[in-house]
Amino acid sequence: MNHGTVESMPLWLSLPFVAMLLFIAIGPLFFHHWWEENKNKLKISLILGVPLAILLVVRGLHHELIHQMLFDYVPFIILLGALFVITGGIHLKGDIEAKPTVNTLFLAIGAVLASFMGTTGAAMLLIRPVIKTNSERKFKVHTILFFIAIVANAGGMLTPLGDPPLFLLYLRGAPFSWFFGLVGPWLFANALLLVIYFLLDSYYHKKESVKAIVEDRTHIEPIRLKGNLNFVFLIGVVLAVAFLNQQYIHAIHENHYLGFIREGVILLMAILSLVFTNNNMRYQENKFTWGPIIEVAYLFLGIFITMVPALLYLRENAHSFGLSTPTHFYYATGTLSAFLDNAPTAVSFHNLALGMVDQFGASALVAHIPEVLLKAISLGAVFFGAMTYIGNGPNFMVKAIAEENKIEMPSFFGYIVKFSLTVLLPVYIVTQLIFL
C-alpha cells in the first residue's frame, strides 16, 4: 500500500470496517437464519464497500484501493480456495478405540498438519474421524473444544499457509521461512494444551460406563486414507508460496504483476485436484460443498475494501494509541482477534506497527516493522483466534459438524467462561511470559 496519501485519513471513514466486523460477530448469534444465506453476506459487503470505494477514489486513494484488492484480496482468496479444494479431496475415515493416548495423538497430528494444509484443511480432514472414534463415549465435548484450540488455531503457526493472518503478513513481506522461527512458542503452547487435554481425557475416560468402554473396544474400523494424490498438489501449493515470490524471483520487485505466477500455480494445483479426485469421494463421502469458501470470498470482499481507511488511519496515528511494547501488541491483537476476525486484526496491527518503527531504533525489521512486533502480532492473532467461536473461520465449522453429530456444544458465552478463560488464557499468558 502506498505510504503517501493525498490528505490525512479521518477516523469516521473506518466506520464501515467496524460495521462489517460487527455483522460478522453478531450475525450468527442474532440473525442466524438470515445470516446463513451467503447472498445476504454479499449484500452487506457491497452495501458497506461500494459507496466507500467510490469515496476513496474521489479522495485520490484509488491506488491504495487497487493495491489492497489486487495484491491482498485476490492472493488471499486463491490460496484459501486452493487449500479448501485440495484438502476436500482427501478422505480419512475409521473408528479405533478412543483411548486418551489415541485422542491426544489425533490432536498432535492435527497440530502439525495445520501449519502445512491450513487450520481449515486440517480441521475438516480430522474432525469427522475424531467424532467417529469417540462416538461410543459419553464424555466428548472436551475433545471438540481442544480440537478447536489446537487443530483449528494454535497448530497453524509455522508457515503462511497455516492461518489467514500469517498469509496476509507474508504478503506484506515476511519471508516464508521466518515463520519457522515461531517453533518455540508453537511447540510450547501446543504441548501444554496436549498435556492438559490428556490429563482431562484420562479423567473422563475413567468416568465412562463399562458398556461404553466395551462398545468402544468392539466397534473397530481401521483408519483409511483416500485421495493421496492430493498431497502432491498440496506440496505444489507449499512450494509455490515458499519460492515464487520476491525473495527468489527478483524481477517481481520491478513488476509486481509477475507475482501472480504464484497464484497461477496455486490455481493449477486446485484444478488438478478437481480433475483427478473421485467425485463420489469428494461430494458424497467428504460432503464437500462450495458454500464455506463462497462465504469467505463474500465476507472478505467487504472486509478488504472497508479496511483501507482503517489501515491508513492506524499508520498515520500509531503514536497516539499507547501501544509501546511487544506485550501490548500481543494482547491487543489477541483481544480483537478473539471477538472479531484474526486476519484483518493482524493486518490492522501491522499497519499500526508501521507507524512506530522509529520507536524501536535499530531493531531488525521484518515485513517493514520491528521483528519483535511481528512476532507478537503473529502469536496473538493465531492463539487468540481460539478464544471464541467467531475468532477464526474453522471454529464455527467444527462446532456445526459436532452438533450435526448430536454433541451438545457450549453456548457462545459458555465456551468463553468454561474453556477460554480457564484453559486457554493461562496457557497464552505463560507462553507470552516465556517467549515475548
Protein backbone atom coordinates (compact mmCIF):
# COMPACT_ATOMS: atom_id res chain seq x y z
CA MET A 1 0.00 0.00 0.00
CA ASN A 2 1.27 3.44 -0.87
CA HIS A 3 2.66 5.31 2.14
CA GLY A 4 1.73 8.71 0.79
CA THR A 5 -1.88 9.90 0.96
CA VAL A 6 -3.49 12.95 -0.54
CA GLU A 7 -4.78 14.13 2.85
CA SER A 8 -4.94 12.80 6.38
CA MET A 9 -7.43 9.99 6.91
CA PRO A 10 -10.44 10.88 9.11
CA LEU A 11 -11.48 8.29 11.67
CA TRP A 12 -15.11 8.27 10.59
CA LEU A 13 -14.19 6.60 7.30
CA SER A 14 -13.33 3.50 9.35
CA LEU A 15 -16.98 3.10 10.44
CA PRO A 16 -17.89 0.77 7.52
CA PHE A 17 -14.99 -1.50 8.59
CA VAL A 18 -16.30 -1.55 12.17
CA ALA A 19 -19.81 -2.26 10.89
CA MET A 20 -18.50 -5.11 8.70
CA LEU A 21 -16.77 -6.76 11.64
CA LEU A 22 -19.83 -6.28 13.86
CA PHE A 23 -22.01 -8.04 11.29
CA ILE A 24 -19.57 -10.97 11.26
CA ALA A 25 -19.56 -11.09 15.06
CA ILE A 26 -23.28 -10.78 15.77
CA GLY A 27 -24.77 -12.14 12.55
CA PRO A 28 -24.52 -15.84 13.56
CA LEU A 29 -25.79 -15.03 17.06
CA PHE A 30 -28.78 -12.77 16.44
CA PHE A 31 -29.70 -13.16 12.75
CA HIS A 32 -28.82 -16.82 12.37
CA HIS A 33 -31.21 -17.92 9.59
CA TRP A 34 -30.87 -14.70 7.58
CA TRP A 35 -27.08 -14.72 8.00
CA GLU A 36 -26.83 -18.34 6.81
CA GLU A 37 -27.61 -17.20 3.26
CA ASN A 38 -24.35 -16.31 1.54
CA LYS A 39 -26.17 -13.86 -0.75
CA ASN A 40 -27.00 -11.77 2.34
CA LYS A 41 -23.32 -11.66 3.29
CA LEU A 42 -22.55 -10.41 -0.22
CA LYS A 43 -25.26 -7.75 0.13
CA ILE A 44 -23.70 -6.44 3.35
CA SER A 45 -20.23 -6.40 1.77
CA LEU A 46 -21.48 -4.43 -1.23
CA ILE A 47 -23.67 -2.04 0.78
CA LEU A 48 -20.73 -1.13 3.02
CA GLY A 49 -17.95 -1.50 0.46
CA VAL A 50 -19.13 0.06 -2.81
CA PRO A 51 -20.00 3.58 -1.53
CA LEU A 52 -16.75 3.65 0.44
CA ALA A 53 -14.76 2.56 -2.62
CA ILE A 54 -16.29 5.41 -4.63
CA LEU A 55 -15.43 7.88 -1.86
CA LEU A 56 -11.84 6.63 -1.72
CA VAL A 57 -11.47 7.13 -5.47
CA VAL A 58 -12.89 10.67 -5.14
CA ARG A 59 -10.33 11.37 -2.38
CA GLY A 60 -7.49 10.26 -4.66
CA LEU A 61 -6.86 6.94 -2.91
CA HIS A 62 -7.60 4.66 -5.86
CA HIS A 63 -4.00 3.32 -5.85
CA GLU A 64 -4.38 2.14 -2.23
CA LEU A 65 -7.74 0.54 -3.02
CA ILE A 66 -6.48 -1.24 -6.14
CA HIS A 67 -3.36 -2.47 -4.32
CA GLN A 68 -5.46 -3.80 -1.46
CA MET A 69 -7.84 -5.72 -3.69
CA LEU A 70 -5.40 -6.90 -6.34
CA PHE A 71 -2.35 -7.77 -4.25
CA ASP A 72 -4.02 -8.78 -0.96
CA TYR A 73 -7.61 -9.93 -1.56
CA VAL A 74 -7.02 -11.90 -4.77
CA PRO A 75 -3.98 -13.91 -3.49
CA PHE A 76 -5.76 -14.45 -0.15
CA ILE A 77 -8.90 -15.95 -1.75
CA ILE A 78 -6.93 -18.01 -4.27
CA LEU A 79 -4.79 -19.58 -1.53
CA LEU A 80 -7.73 -20.32 0.78
CA GLY A 81 -9.79 -21.62 -2.12
CA ALA A 82 -7.00 -23.91 -3.32
CA LEU A 83 -6.36 -25.33 0.16
CA PHE A 84 -10.12 -25.83 0.56
CA VAL A 85 -10.42 -27.70 -2.75
CA ILE A 86 -7.30 -29.83 -2.32
CA THR A 87 -7.99 -30.89 1.28
CA GLY A 88 -11.60 -31.55 0.25
CA GLY A 89 -10.22 -34.31 -1.98
CA ILE A 90 -8.57 -36.15 0.92
CA HIS A 91 -10.80 -38.55 2.85
CA LEU A 92 -9.88 -40.05 6.20
CA LYS A 93 -12.23 -42.48 7.88
CA GLY A 94 -12.17 -45.13 10.57
CA ASP A 95 -13.19 -45.90 14.14
CA ILE A 96 -10.48 -47.02 16.53
CA GLU A 97 -10.57 -47.25 20.31
CA ALA A 98 -10.96 -43.76 21.81
CA LYS A 99 -8.28 -44.08 24.48
CA PRO A 100 -6.72 -40.87 25.82
CA THR A 101 -3.46 -41.72 24.03
CA VAL A 102 -5.31 -42.15 20.70
CA ASN A 103 -7.26 -38.91 21.06
CA THR A 104 -4.14 -36.98 22.06
CA LEU A 105 -2.30 -38.41 19.06
CA PHE A 106 -5.13 -37.23 16.76
CA LEU A 107 -4.79 -33.69 18.12
CA ALA A 108 -0.98 -33.77 17.93
CA ILE A 109 -1.10 -34.86 14.27
CA GLY A 110 -3.60 -32.06 13.64
CA ALA A 111 -1.25 -29.53 15.24
CA VAL A 112 1.45 -30.47 12.71
CA LEU A 113 -0.83 -30.72 9.67
CA ALA A 114 -2.44 -27.34 10.41
CA SER A 115 0.74 -25.44 9.50
CA PHE A 116 1.07 -27.12 6.11
CA MET A 117 -2.52 -27.62 4.93
CA GLY A 118 -4.12 -24.74 6.81
CA THR A 119 -6.14 -24.84 10.00
CA THR A 120 -9.34 -25.19 7.96
CA GLY A 121 -7.95 -28.07 5.90
CA ALA A 122 -6.56 -29.96 8.91
CA ALA A 123 -9.75 -29.40 10.91
CA MET A 124 -12.03 -30.62 8.12
CA LEU A 125 -9.80 -33.64 7.45
CA LEU A 126 -9.70 -34.83 11.05
CA ILE A 127 -12.91 -33.71 12.76
CA ARG A 128 -15.17 -36.49 11.42
CA PRO A 129 -12.71 -39.33 12.23
CA VAL A 130 -12.27 -37.85 15.74
CA ILE A 131 -16.05 -37.73 16.24
CA LYS A 132 -16.48 -41.24 14.82
CA THR A 133 -13.73 -42.61 17.06
CA ASN A 134 -15.39 -41.06 20.13
CA SER A 135 -18.96 -41.92 19.12
CA GLU A 136 -19.33 -44.67 21.75
CA ARG A 137 -18.11 -42.41 24.56
CA LYS A 138 -20.42 -40.21 26.62
CA PHE A 139 -17.83 -37.54 27.54
CA LYS A 140 -16.54 -35.97 24.35
CA VAL A 141 -17.33 -32.24 24.39
CA HIS A 142 -13.90 -31.50 25.88
CA THR A 143 -12.30 -33.28 22.91
CA ILE A 144 -14.04 -30.95 20.45
CA LEU A 145 -13.03 -27.88 22.48
CA PHE A 146 -9.35 -28.84 22.49
CA PHE A 147 -9.65 -29.77 18.81
CA ILE A 148 -10.76 -26.20 18.08
CA ALA A 149 -7.91 -24.76 20.16
CA ILE A 150 -5.13 -26.94 18.75
CA VAL A 151 -6.04 -28.09 15.23
CA ALA A 152 -8.21 -25.15 14.16
CA ASN A 153 -5.93 -22.47 15.65
CA ALA A 154 -2.67 -22.89 17.58
CA GLY A 155 -1.31 -25.58 15.26
CA GLY A 156 -1.23 -23.26 12.24
CA MET A 157 1.76 -21.20 13.33
CA LEU A 158 4.74 -22.45 11.35
CA THR A 159 4.02 -21.35 7.76
CA PRO A 160 1.97 -18.66 5.98
CA LEU A 161 -0.36 -21.45 4.84
CA GLY A 162 -1.28 -22.26 8.42
CA ASP A 163 -3.64 -19.41 9.26
CA PRO A 164 -5.03 -16.49 7.20
CA PRO A 165 -3.43 -13.72 9.32
CA LEU A 166 0.01 -15.23 8.71
CA PHE A 167 -0.53 -15.35 4.95
CA LEU A 168 -1.51 -11.67 4.96
CA LEU A 169 1.66 -10.87 6.92
CA TYR A 170 3.61 -12.94 4.37
CA LEU A 171 2.10 -10.81 1.60
CA ARG A 172 3.41 -7.76 3.47
CA GLY A 173 6.98 -9.00 3.25
CA ALA A 174 7.56 -11.61 5.97
CA PRO A 175 9.72 -14.39 4.40
CA PHE A 176 8.18 -17.87 4.22
CA SER A 177 10.96 -19.30 6.38
CA TRP A 178 10.57 -16.58 9.05
CA PHE A 179 7.50 -18.31 10.47
CA PHE A 180 9.58 -21.41 11.25
CA GLY A 181 11.22 -19.20 13.88
CA LEU A 182 7.95 -19.37 15.84
CA VAL A 183 8.56 -23.07 16.53
CA GLY A 184 9.37 -22.36 20.20
CA PRO A 185 6.01 -20.83 21.19
CA TRP A 186 4.20 -23.18 18.77
CA LEU A 187 5.75 -26.25 20.42
CA PHE A 188 5.33 -24.96 23.96
CA ALA A 189 1.69 -23.86 23.67
CA ASN A 190 0.54 -26.93 21.74
CA ALA A 191 2.45 -29.33 24.01
CA LEU A 192 0.97 -27.71 27.10
CA LEU A 193 -2.54 -27.89 25.66
CA LEU A 194 -1.98 -31.56 24.70
CA VAL A 195 -0.78 -32.42 28.22
CA ILE A 196 -3.80 -30.70 29.78
CA TYR A 197 -6.08 -32.49 27.31
CA PHE A 198 -4.51 -35.89 28.00
CA LEU A 199 -4.98 -35.49 31.76
CA LEU A 200 -8.56 -34.31 31.30
CA ASP A 201 -9.43 -37.07 28.82
CA SER A 202 -7.89 -39.67 31.14
CA TYR A 203 -10.14 -38.37 33.93
CA TYR A 204 -13.27 -38.55 31.76
CA HIS A 205 -12.29 -41.93 30.32
CA LYS A 206 -12.36 -43.37 33.84
CA LYS A 207 -15.88 -41.97 34.28
CA GLU A 208 -17.24 -43.79 31.21
CA SER A 209 -19.63 -46.65 31.82
CA VAL A 210 -18.45 -50.23 31.35
CA LYS A 211 -20.96 -50.57 28.48
CA ALA A 212 -19.48 -47.56 26.65
CA ILE A 213 -15.92 -48.87 27.02
CA VAL A 214 -16.93 -52.34 25.78
CA GLU A 215 -18.74 -50.86 22.75
CA ASP A 216 -15.76 -48.63 22.01
CA ARG A 217 -13.40 -51.60 22.01
CA THR A 218 -15.80 -53.73 19.97
CA HIS A 219 -16.74 -51.34 17.17
CA ILE A 220 -13.41 -51.04 15.40
CA GLU A 221 -12.90 -49.86 11.81
CA PRO A 222 -9.31 -49.45 10.58
CA ILE A 223 -8.18 -45.94 9.67
CA ARG A 224 -8.14 -45.49 5.90
CA LEU A 225 -6.88 -42.60 3.83
CA LYS A 226 -8.09 -41.94 0.27
CA GLY A 227 -7.23 -39.24 -2.25
CA ASN A 228 -3.49 -39.45 -1.59
CA LEU A 229 -2.67 -37.72 -4.89
CA ASN A 230 -3.95 -34.51 -3.35
CA PHE A 231 -0.91 -34.44 -1.06
CA VAL A 232 1.19 -33.91 -4.21
CA PHE A 233 -0.98 -30.90 -5.12
CA LEU A 234 -0.68 -29.67 -1.54
CA ILE A 235 3.12 -29.83 -1.79
CA GLY A 236 2.82 -27.85 -5.03
CA VAL A 237 0.97 -25.08 -3.16
CA VAL A 238 3.58 -25.06 -0.37
CA LEU A 239 6.44 -24.78 -2.88
CA ALA A 240 4.64 -22.02 -4.82
CA VAL A 241 4.15 -19.91 -1.70
CA ALA A 242 7.69 -20.59 -0.49
CA PHE A 243 9.63 -19.91 -3.69
CA LEU A 244 7.53 -17.95 -6.21
CA ASN A 245 7.98 -14.59 -4.52
CA GLN A 246 10.23 -11.51 -4.49
CA GLN A 247 12.82 -13.25 -2.35
CA TYR A 248 13.63 -15.74 -5.11
CA ILE A 249 12.32 -14.00 -8.26
CA HIS A 250 13.91 -10.55 -8.16
CA ALA A 251 12.06 -9.41 -11.29
CA ILE A 252 8.92 -9.16 -9.15
CA HIS A 253 10.49 -6.10 -7.49
CA GLU A 254 10.27 -4.23 -10.80
CA ASN A 255 6.95 -5.71 -11.96
CA HIS A 256 4.60 -6.73 -9.17
CA TYR A 257 2.24 -8.38 -11.63
CA LEU A 258 4.83 -11.13 -12.13
CA GLY A 259 3.95 -12.16 -8.58
CA PHE A 260 0.75 -13.65 -9.97
CA ILE A 261 2.86 -16.54 -11.25
CA ARG A 262 2.45 -17.89 -7.70
CA GLU A 263 -1.33 -17.56 -7.85
CA GLY A 264 -1.35 -19.21 -11.27
CA VAL A 265 0.49 -22.27 -9.95
CA ILE A 266 -1.76 -22.42 -6.87
CA LEU A 267 -4.86 -22.29 -9.09
CA LEU A 268 -3.40 -25.03 -11.28
CA MET A 269 -2.98 -27.29 -8.22
CA ALA A 270 -6.63 -26.73 -7.29
CA ILE A 271 -7.81 -27.50 -10.85
CA LEU A 272 -5.72 -30.69 -10.94
CA SER A 273 -7.28 -31.72 -7.63
CA LEU A 274 -10.78 -31.27 -9.07
CA VAL A 275 -9.87 -33.21 -12.22
CA PHE A 276 -8.12 -36.16 -10.58
CA THR A 277 -10.18 -36.65 -7.41
CA ASN A 278 -13.07 -39.10 -7.47
CA ASN A 279 -16.27 -37.02 -7.39
CA ASN A 280 -18.17 -39.55 -5.29
CA MET A 281 -15.49 -39.43 -2.60
CA ARG A 282 -15.31 -35.63 -2.66
CA TYR A 283 -19.02 -34.81 -2.72
CA GLN A 284 -20.60 -37.84 -1.02
CA GLU A 285 -18.08 -39.24 1.45
CA ASN A 286 -16.45 -35.91 2.29
CA LYS A 287 -19.73 -33.99 1.99
CA PHE A 288 -17.81 -31.29 0.12
CA THR A 289 -19.77 -28.13 -0.75
CA TRP A 290 -18.68 -24.79 -2.15
CA GLY A 291 -20.65 -22.84 0.45
CA PRO A 292 -17.86 -22.21 3.00
CA ILE A 293 -15.35 -20.79 0.52
CA ILE A 294 -18.04 -18.66 -1.16
CA GLU A 295 -18.88 -17.31 2.32
CA VAL A 296 -15.22 -16.40 2.91
CA ALA A 297 -14.96 -14.72 -0.51
CA TYR A 298 -18.09 -12.62 0.04
CA LEU A 299 -17.22 -11.56 3.59
CA PHE A 300 -13.61 -10.69 2.88
CA LEU A 301 -14.61 -8.70 -0.19
CA GLY A 302 -16.28 -6.28 2.22
CA ILE A 303 -13.51 -6.54 4.81
CA PHE A 304 -10.69 -5.78 2.38
CA ILE A 305 -12.47 -2.76 0.88
CA THR A 306 -13.60 -1.25 4.18
CA MET A 307 -10.29 -1.80 5.95
CA VAL A 308 -8.41 0.59 3.61
CA PRO A 309 -9.27 3.78 5.57
CA ALA A 310 -8.72 1.96 8.89
CA LEU A 311 -5.25 0.83 7.84
CA LEU A 312 -4.26 4.30 6.69
CA TYR A 313 -5.62 5.88 9.88
CA LEU A 314 -3.71 3.42 12.06
CA ARG A 315 -0.46 4.10 10.25
CA GLU A 316 -0.87 7.88 10.49
CA ASN A 317 -1.84 7.85 14.18
CA ALA A 318 0.25 4.98 15.54
CA HIS A 319 1.93 7.08 18.22
CA SER A 320 -1.34 8.08 19.88
CA PHE A 321 -2.58 4.58 20.75
CA GLY A 322 -0.36 3.94 23.75
CA LEU A 323 0.98 0.59 22.50
CA SER A 324 4.70 0.65 23.13
CA THR A 325 5.85 -2.93 23.87
CA PRO A 326 5.57 -6.35 22.21
CA THR A 327 3.39 -7.46 25.14
CA HIS A 328 0.94 -4.65 24.39
CA PHE A 329 0.77 -5.75 20.76
CA TYR A 330 0.34 -9.42 21.75
CA TYR A 331 -2.66 -8.85 24.00
CA ALA A 332 -4.23 -6.09 21.89
CA THR A 333 -4.00 -8.23 18.74
CA GLY A 334 -5.23 -11.24 20.70
CA THR A 335 -8.21 -9.49 22.26
CA LEU A 336 -9.51 -8.17 18.94
CA SER A 337 -8.73 -11.47 17.19
CA ALA A 338 -10.92 -13.28 19.70
CA PHE A 339 -14.00 -11.19 19.08
CA LEU A 340 -13.53 -10.06 15.51
CA ASP A 341 -11.69 -11.98 12.81
CA ASN A 342 -7.99 -12.60 13.33
CA ALA A 343 -6.97 -11.93 9.70
CA PRO A 344 -7.99 -8.25 9.43
CA THR A 345 -6.91 -7.75 13.05
CA ALA A 346 -3.36 -8.87 12.25
CA VAL A 347 -3.23 -6.54 9.24
CA SER A 348 -4.53 -3.63 11.33
CA PHE A 349 -1.84 -4.04 13.97
CA HIS A 350 0.82 -4.50 11.31
CA ASN A 351 -0.17 -1.11 9.94
CA LEU A 352 -0.11 0.33 13.44
CA ALA A 353 3.44 -1.01 13.85
CA LEU A 354 4.47 0.64 10.56
CA GLY A 355 3.99 3.99 12.24
CA MET A 356 6.18 3.03 15.21
CA VAL A 357 9.40 1.91 13.52
CA ASP A 358 11.33 4.91 14.84
CA GLN A 359 10.47 3.99 18.44
CA PHE A 360 12.46 0.76 18.19
CA GLY A 361 15.66 2.33 16.90
CA ALA A 362 17.97 -0.14 15.21
CA SER A 363 15.69 -3.12 15.76
CA ALA A 364 15.71 -5.68 12.96
CA LEU A 365 12.84 -5.12 10.53
CA VAL A 366 10.76 -7.94 9.06
CA ALA A 367 7.81 -7.08 6.81
CA HIS A 368 8.87 -3.44 7.33
CA ILE A 369 8.19 -3.47 11.10
CA PRO A 370 10.33 -4.41 14.13
CA GLU A 371 10.68 -8.19 14.17
CA VAL A 372 9.62 -8.47 17.81
CA LEU A 373 6.33 -6.70 17.00
CA LEU A 374 5.69 -9.02 14.04
CA LYS A 375 6.24 -11.97 16.37
CA ALA A 376 3.80 -10.54 18.93
CA ILE A 377 1.15 -9.85 16.27
CA SER A 378 1.52 -13.34 14.75
CA LEU A 379 1.28 -15.14 18.09
CA GLY A 380 -1.63 -13.01 19.30
CA ALA A 381 -3.65 -13.43 16.11
CA VAL A 382 -3.21 -17.20 15.84
CA PHE A 383 -3.51 -18.18 19.50
CA PHE A 384 -6.39 -15.93 20.47
CA GLY A 385 -8.43 -16.89 17.41
CA ALA A 386 -9.48 -19.87 19.54
CA MET A 387 -10.89 -17.75 22.38
CA THR A 388 -14.39 -17.60 20.84
CA TYR A 389 -16.33 -19.39 18.12
CA ILE A 390 -16.02 -16.31 15.89
CA GLY A 391 -12.27 -15.75 16.26
CA ASN A 392 -11.31 -17.96 13.32
CA GLY A 393 -13.26 -19.47 10.43
CA PRO A 394 -12.81 -23.20 11.25
CA ASN A 395 -14.17 -22.76 14.79
CA PHE A 396 -17.79 -22.45 13.72
CA MET A 397 -17.36 -25.18 11.10
CA VAL A 398 -16.09 -27.65 13.73
CA LYS A 399 -18.89 -26.63 16.11
CA ALA A 400 -21.50 -27.16 13.38
CA ILE A 401 -20.20 -30.61 12.47
CA ALA A 402 -20.11 -31.62 16.14
CA GLU A 403 -23.71 -30.51 16.62
CA GLU A 404 -24.75 -32.39 13.47
CA ASN A 405 -23.46 -35.47 15.29
CA LYS A 406 -25.59 -34.73 18.40
CA ILE A 407 -22.71 -33.38 20.51
CA GLU A 408 -24.04 -30.58 22.73
CA MET A 409 -21.51 -27.79 22.44
CA PRO A 410 -21.33 -24.91 24.95
CA SER A 411 -23.07 -21.63 24.12
CA PHE A 412 -21.03 -18.65 22.87
CA PHE A 413 -20.51 -17.31 26.39
CA GLY A 414 -20.32 -20.78 27.94
CA TYR A 415 -17.36 -21.55 25.67
CA ILE A 416 -15.57 -18.41 26.85
CA VAL A 417 -16.23 -18.95 30.57
CA LYS A 418 -15.75 -22.73 30.77
CA PHE A 419 -12.87 -23.12 28.34
CA SER A 420 -11.22 -19.94 27.05
CA LEU A 421 -10.74 -18.12 30.36
CA THR A 422 -9.98 -21.24 32.42
CA VAL A 423 -7.74 -23.19 30.00
CA LEU A 424 -6.59 -21.14 27.02
CA LEU A 425 -5.85 -17.77 28.58
CA PRO A 426 -3.50 -19.16 31.28
CA VAL A 427 -1.59 -21.09 28.58
CA TYR A 428 -1.30 -17.99 26.43
CA ILE A 429 -0.13 -15.85 29.37
CA VAL A 430 2.61 -18.35 30.27
CA THR A 431 3.65 -18.53 26.59
CA GLN A 432 3.92 -14.73 26.46
CA LEU A 433 5.98 -14.58 29.64
CA ILE A 434 8.47 -17.07 28.23
CA PHE A 435 8.71 -16.02 24.59
CA LEU A 436 8.00 -12.27 24.46
